[in-house]
Amino acid sequence: MVRIWDLRRLMVPLSYFTEKPFQNWTHKTADLLGSVFIYTDYAVPVEALRRELARILKSMDKWTGKVFQHSPHVSSQRV
């Protein structure tokens, strides 16, 4: 039996786990990380954007503060 994201239980044969590799992301906790992509114009002031993002995160009750300890990555990749 495997408990899935919506708390239901899924019956999976033992052979599934012995034949297919898997990652256990919830060994200690169910915390997961996510990514946020903000697509902007090249003229956007990056430092001001970082400060605003930090302000928004600090105001959220579900944000644990574990991530965003360093400046977020800024990529100049064209879409």
N, C-alpha and C. Protein backbone atom coordinates (compact mmCIF):
# COMPACT_ATOMS: atom_id res chain seq x y z
N MET A 1 0.84 -1.17 0.00
CA MET A 1 0.00 0.00 0.00
C MET A 1 0.89 1.24 0.00
N VAL A 2 0.56 2.18 -0.87
CA VAL A 2 1.29 3.44 -0.96
C VAL A 2 0.28 4.57 -0.78
N ARG A 3 0.59 5.49 0.12
CA ARG A 3 -0.30 6.64 0.29
C ARG A 3 0.10 7.68 -0.74
N ILE A 4 -0.87 8.13 -1.53
CA ILE A 4 -0.58 9.09 -2.59
C ILE A 4 -0.92 10.50 -2.13
N TRP A 5 -0.66 11.47 -2.98
CA TRP A 5 -0.74 12.88 -2.62
C TRP A 5 -2.08 13.31 -2.05
N ASP A 6 -3.17 12.71 -2.48
CA ASP A 6 -4.49 13.12 -1.98
C ASP A 6 -4.96 12.24 -0.82
N LEU A 7 -4.00 11.56 -0.18
CA LEU A 7 -4.20 10.73 1.01
C LEU A 7 -4.94 9.42 0.76
N ARG A 8 -5.22 9.10 -0.50
CA ARG A 8 -5.78 7.77 -0.79
C ARG A 8 -4.65 6.76 -0.72
N ARG A 9 -4.99 5.50 -0.66
CA ARG A 9 -4.01 4.42 -0.64
C ARG A 9 -4.08 3.68 -1.99
N LEU A 10 -2.91 3.41 -2.53
CA LEU A 10 -2.82 2.74 -3.82
C LEU A 10 -2.13 1.40 -3.61
N MET A 11 -2.76 0.34 -4.07
CA MET A 11 -2.15 -0.99 -3.96
C MET A 11 -1.21 -1.19 -5.13
N VAL A 12 0.06 -1.46 -4.83
CA VAL A 12 1.08 -1.66 -5.84
C VAL A 12 1.78 -2.98 -5.54
N PRO A 13 1.92 -3.85 -6.53
CA PRO A 13 2.61 -5.12 -6.27
C PRO A 13 4.08 -4.90 -5.90
N LEU A 14 4.61 -5.71 -5.02
CA LEU A 14 5.99 -5.59 -4.58
C LEU A 14 6.97 -5.65 -5.74
N SER A 15 6.66 -6.40 -6.77
CA SER A 15 7.54 -6.52 -7.93
C SER A 15 7.77 -5.16 -8.61
N TYR A 16 6.80 -4.26 -8.50
CA TYR A 16 6.97 -2.93 -9.09
C TYR A 16 8.20 -2.24 -8.50
N PHE A 17 8.37 -2.33 -7.18
CA PHE A 17 9.48 -1.66 -6.52
C PHE A 17 10.82 -2.37 -6.71
N THR A 18 10.78 -3.67 -6.91
CA THR A 18 12.03 -4.40 -7.11
C THR A 18 12.52 -4.31 -8.55
N GLU A 19 11.62 -4.03 -9.48
CA GLU A 19 11.99 -3.98 -10.90
C GLU A 19 12.20 -2.57 -11.43
N LYS A 20 11.64 -1.57 -10.77
CA LYS A 20 11.73 -0.20 -11.26
C LYS A 20 12.36 0.69 -10.18
N PRO A 21 13.39 1.47 -10.56
CA PRO A 21 13.98 2.37 -9.57
C PRO A 21 13.00 3.49 -9.22
N PHE A 22 13.09 3.99 -8.00
CA PHE A 22 12.21 5.08 -7.58
C PHE A 22 12.93 5.94 -6.55
N GLN A 23 12.42 7.13 -6.33
CA GLN A 23 12.97 8.04 -5.32
C GLN A 23 11.94 8.22 -4.22
N ASN A 24 12.39 8.10 -2.99
CA ASN A 24 11.50 8.33 -1.86
C ASN A 24 11.73 9.76 -1.38
N TRP A 25 10.86 10.68 -1.79
CA TRP A 25 11.00 12.09 -1.43
C TRP A 25 10.45 12.37 -0.04
N THR A 26 9.77 11.44 0.57
CA THR A 26 9.13 11.69 1.86
C THR A 26 9.71 10.81 2.95
N HIS A 27 11.00 10.53 2.89
CA HIS A 27 11.63 9.66 3.89
C HIS A 27 11.48 10.25 5.30
N LYS A 28 11.70 11.55 5.43
CA LYS A 28 11.57 12.20 6.74
C LYS A 28 10.36 13.14 6.78
N THR A 29 10.17 13.92 5.73
CA THR A 29 9.04 14.83 5.67
C THR A 29 8.48 14.84 4.25
N ALA A 30 7.33 15.46 4.09
CA ALA A 30 6.70 15.55 2.76
C ALA A 30 7.02 16.89 2.10
N ASP A 31 8.04 17.59 2.59
CA ASP A 31 8.41 18.88 1.99
C ASP A 31 8.94 18.68 0.59
N LEU A 32 8.47 19.48 -0.32
CA LEU A 32 8.94 19.45 -1.70
C LEU A 32 9.34 20.85 -2.12
N LEU A 33 10.28 20.95 -3.03
CA LEU A 33 10.70 22.23 -3.57
C LEU A 33 10.08 22.43 -4.93
N GLY A 34 9.86 23.65 -5.28
CA GLY A 34 9.33 23.96 -6.60
C GLY A 34 10.12 25.10 -7.21
N SER A 35 9.86 25.34 -8.45
CA SER A 35 10.53 26.44 -9.16
C SER A 35 9.47 27.43 -9.63
N VAL A 36 9.88 28.66 -9.65
CA VAL A 36 9.01 29.72 -10.17
C VAL A 36 9.78 30.43 -11.27
N PHE A 37 9.15 30.56 -12.41
CA PHE A 37 9.76 31.26 -13.53
C PHE A 37 9.01 32.57 -13.74
N ILE A 38 9.74 33.65 -13.76
CA ILE A 38 9.15 34.96 -14.01
C ILE A 38 9.75 35.47 -15.31
N TYR A 39 8.94 35.52 -16.34
CA TYR A 39 9.40 35.99 -17.64
C TYR A 39 9.16 37.49 -17.72
N THR A 40 10.23 38.22 -17.91
CA THR A 40 10.14 39.68 -17.91
C THR A 40 10.91 40.25 -19.08
N ASP A 41 10.78 41.53 -19.23
CA ASP A 41 11.55 42.28 -20.20
C ASP A 41 12.98 42.43 -19.67
N TYR A 42 13.93 42.63 -20.55
CA TYR A 42 15.32 42.78 -20.12
C TYR A 42 15.55 44.07 -19.34
N ALA A 43 14.63 45.01 -19.41
CA ALA A 43 14.80 46.29 -18.74
C ALA A 43 14.32 46.26 -17.28
N VAL A 44 13.79 45.14 -16.82
CA VAL A 44 13.28 45.05 -15.45
C VAL A 44 14.45 45.16 -14.47
N PRO A 45 14.33 45.99 -13.44
CA PRO A 45 15.40 46.09 -12.44
C PRO A 45 15.43 44.83 -11.57
N VAL A 46 16.45 44.02 -11.75
CA VAL A 46 16.53 42.71 -11.11
C VAL A 46 16.59 42.82 -9.59
N GLU A 47 17.35 43.73 -9.05
CA GLU A 47 17.46 43.87 -7.59
C GLU A 47 16.11 44.23 -6.97
N ALA A 48 15.36 45.10 -7.62
CA ALA A 48 14.04 45.47 -7.12
C ALA A 48 13.10 44.27 -7.17
N LEU A 49 13.21 43.46 -8.22
CA LEU A 49 12.40 42.25 -8.35
C LEU A 49 12.73 41.26 -7.24
N ARG A 50 14.01 41.10 -6.93
CA ARG A 50 14.43 40.21 -5.84
C ARG A 50 13.88 40.68 -4.49
N ARG A 51 13.95 41.98 -4.24
CA ARG A 51 13.43 42.51 -2.98
C ARG A 51 11.92 42.30 -2.86
N GLU A 52 11.21 42.51 -3.96
CA GLU A 52 9.75 42.31 -3.94
C GLU A 52 9.40 40.84 -3.73
N LEU A 53 10.14 39.95 -4.37
CA LEU A 53 9.90 38.52 -4.18
C LEU A 53 10.16 38.13 -2.72
N ALA A 54 11.21 38.64 -2.13
CA ALA A 54 11.51 38.35 -0.71
C ALA A 54 10.39 38.88 0.18
N ARG A 55 9.88 40.06 -0.12
CA ARG A 55 8.78 40.64 0.67
C ARG A 55 7.53 39.77 0.58
N ILE A 56 7.22 39.33 -0.64
CA ILE A 56 6.03 38.48 -0.84
C ILE A 56 6.18 37.16 -0.08
N LEU A 57 7.35 36.54 -0.19
CA LEU A 57 7.57 35.26 0.49
C LEU A 57 7.44 35.40 2.00
N LYS A 58 8.00 36.44 2.56
CA LYS A 58 7.94 36.64 4.02
C LYS A 58 6.52 36.86 4.51
N SER A 59 5.65 37.35 3.64
CA SER A 59 4.26 37.60 4.05
C SER A 59 3.38 36.35 3.97
N MET A 60 3.90 35.28 3.39
CA MET A 60 3.11 34.05 3.21
C MET A 60 3.27 33.15 4.44
N ASP A 61 2.15 32.69 4.99
CA ASP A 61 2.21 31.86 6.19
C ASP A 61 2.72 30.45 5.92
N LYS A 62 2.64 29.97 4.69
CA LYS A 62 3.11 28.61 4.39
C LYS A 62 4.58 28.55 4.00
N TRP A 63 5.21 29.69 3.82
CA TRP A 63 6.63 29.70 3.48
C TRP A 63 7.46 29.47 4.72
N THR A 64 8.31 28.45 4.69
CA THR A 64 9.09 28.06 5.87
C THR A 64 10.39 28.83 6.01
N GLY A 65 10.81 29.49 4.96
CA GLY A 65 12.08 30.22 5.00
C GLY A 65 13.28 29.35 4.69
N LYS A 66 13.06 28.09 4.36
CA LYS A 66 14.17 27.18 4.09
C LYS A 66 14.85 27.48 2.75
N VAL A 67 14.11 28.07 1.84
CA VAL A 67 14.64 28.34 0.51
C VAL A 67 14.64 29.85 0.30
N PHE A 68 15.35 30.30 -0.69
CA PHE A 68 15.51 31.72 -1.00
C PHE A 68 16.44 32.37 0.01
N GLN A 69 17.40 31.61 0.50
CA GLN A 69 18.39 32.17 1.41
C GLN A 69 19.42 32.99 0.63
N HIS A 70 19.61 32.64 -0.62
CA HIS A 70 20.55 33.35 -1.48
C HIS A 70 19.74 34.01 -2.59
N SER A 71 20.38 34.89 -3.30
CA SER A 71 19.68 35.54 -4.41
C SER A 71 19.22 34.50 -5.42
N PRO A 72 18.02 34.67 -5.95
CA PRO A 72 17.55 33.71 -6.94
C PRO A 72 18.38 33.79 -8.22
N HIS A 73 18.38 32.72 -8.94
CA HIS A 73 19.12 32.64 -10.19
C HIS A 73 18.44 33.48 -11.25
N VAL A 74 19.22 34.23 -11.96
CA VAL A 74 18.69 35.04 -13.06
C VAL A 74 19.30 34.55 -14.33
N SER A 75 18.47 34.19 -15.28
CA SER A 75 18.95 33.67 -16.55
C SER A 75 18.58 34.64 -17.65
N SER A 76 19.46 34.79 -18.59
CA SER A 76 19.18 35.67 -19.73
C SER A 76 18.73 34.87 -20.94
N GLN A 77 18.19 33.70 -20.69
CA GLN A 77 17.77 32.83 -21.78
C GLN A 77 16.58 33.43 -22.51
N ARG A 78 16.63 33.43 -23.80
CA ARG A 78 15.53 33.96 -24.61
C ARG A 78 14.50 32.87 -24.84
N VAL A 79 13.25 33.27 -24.81
CA VAL A 79 12.15 32.32 -25.00
C VAL A 79 11.57 32.50 -26.38
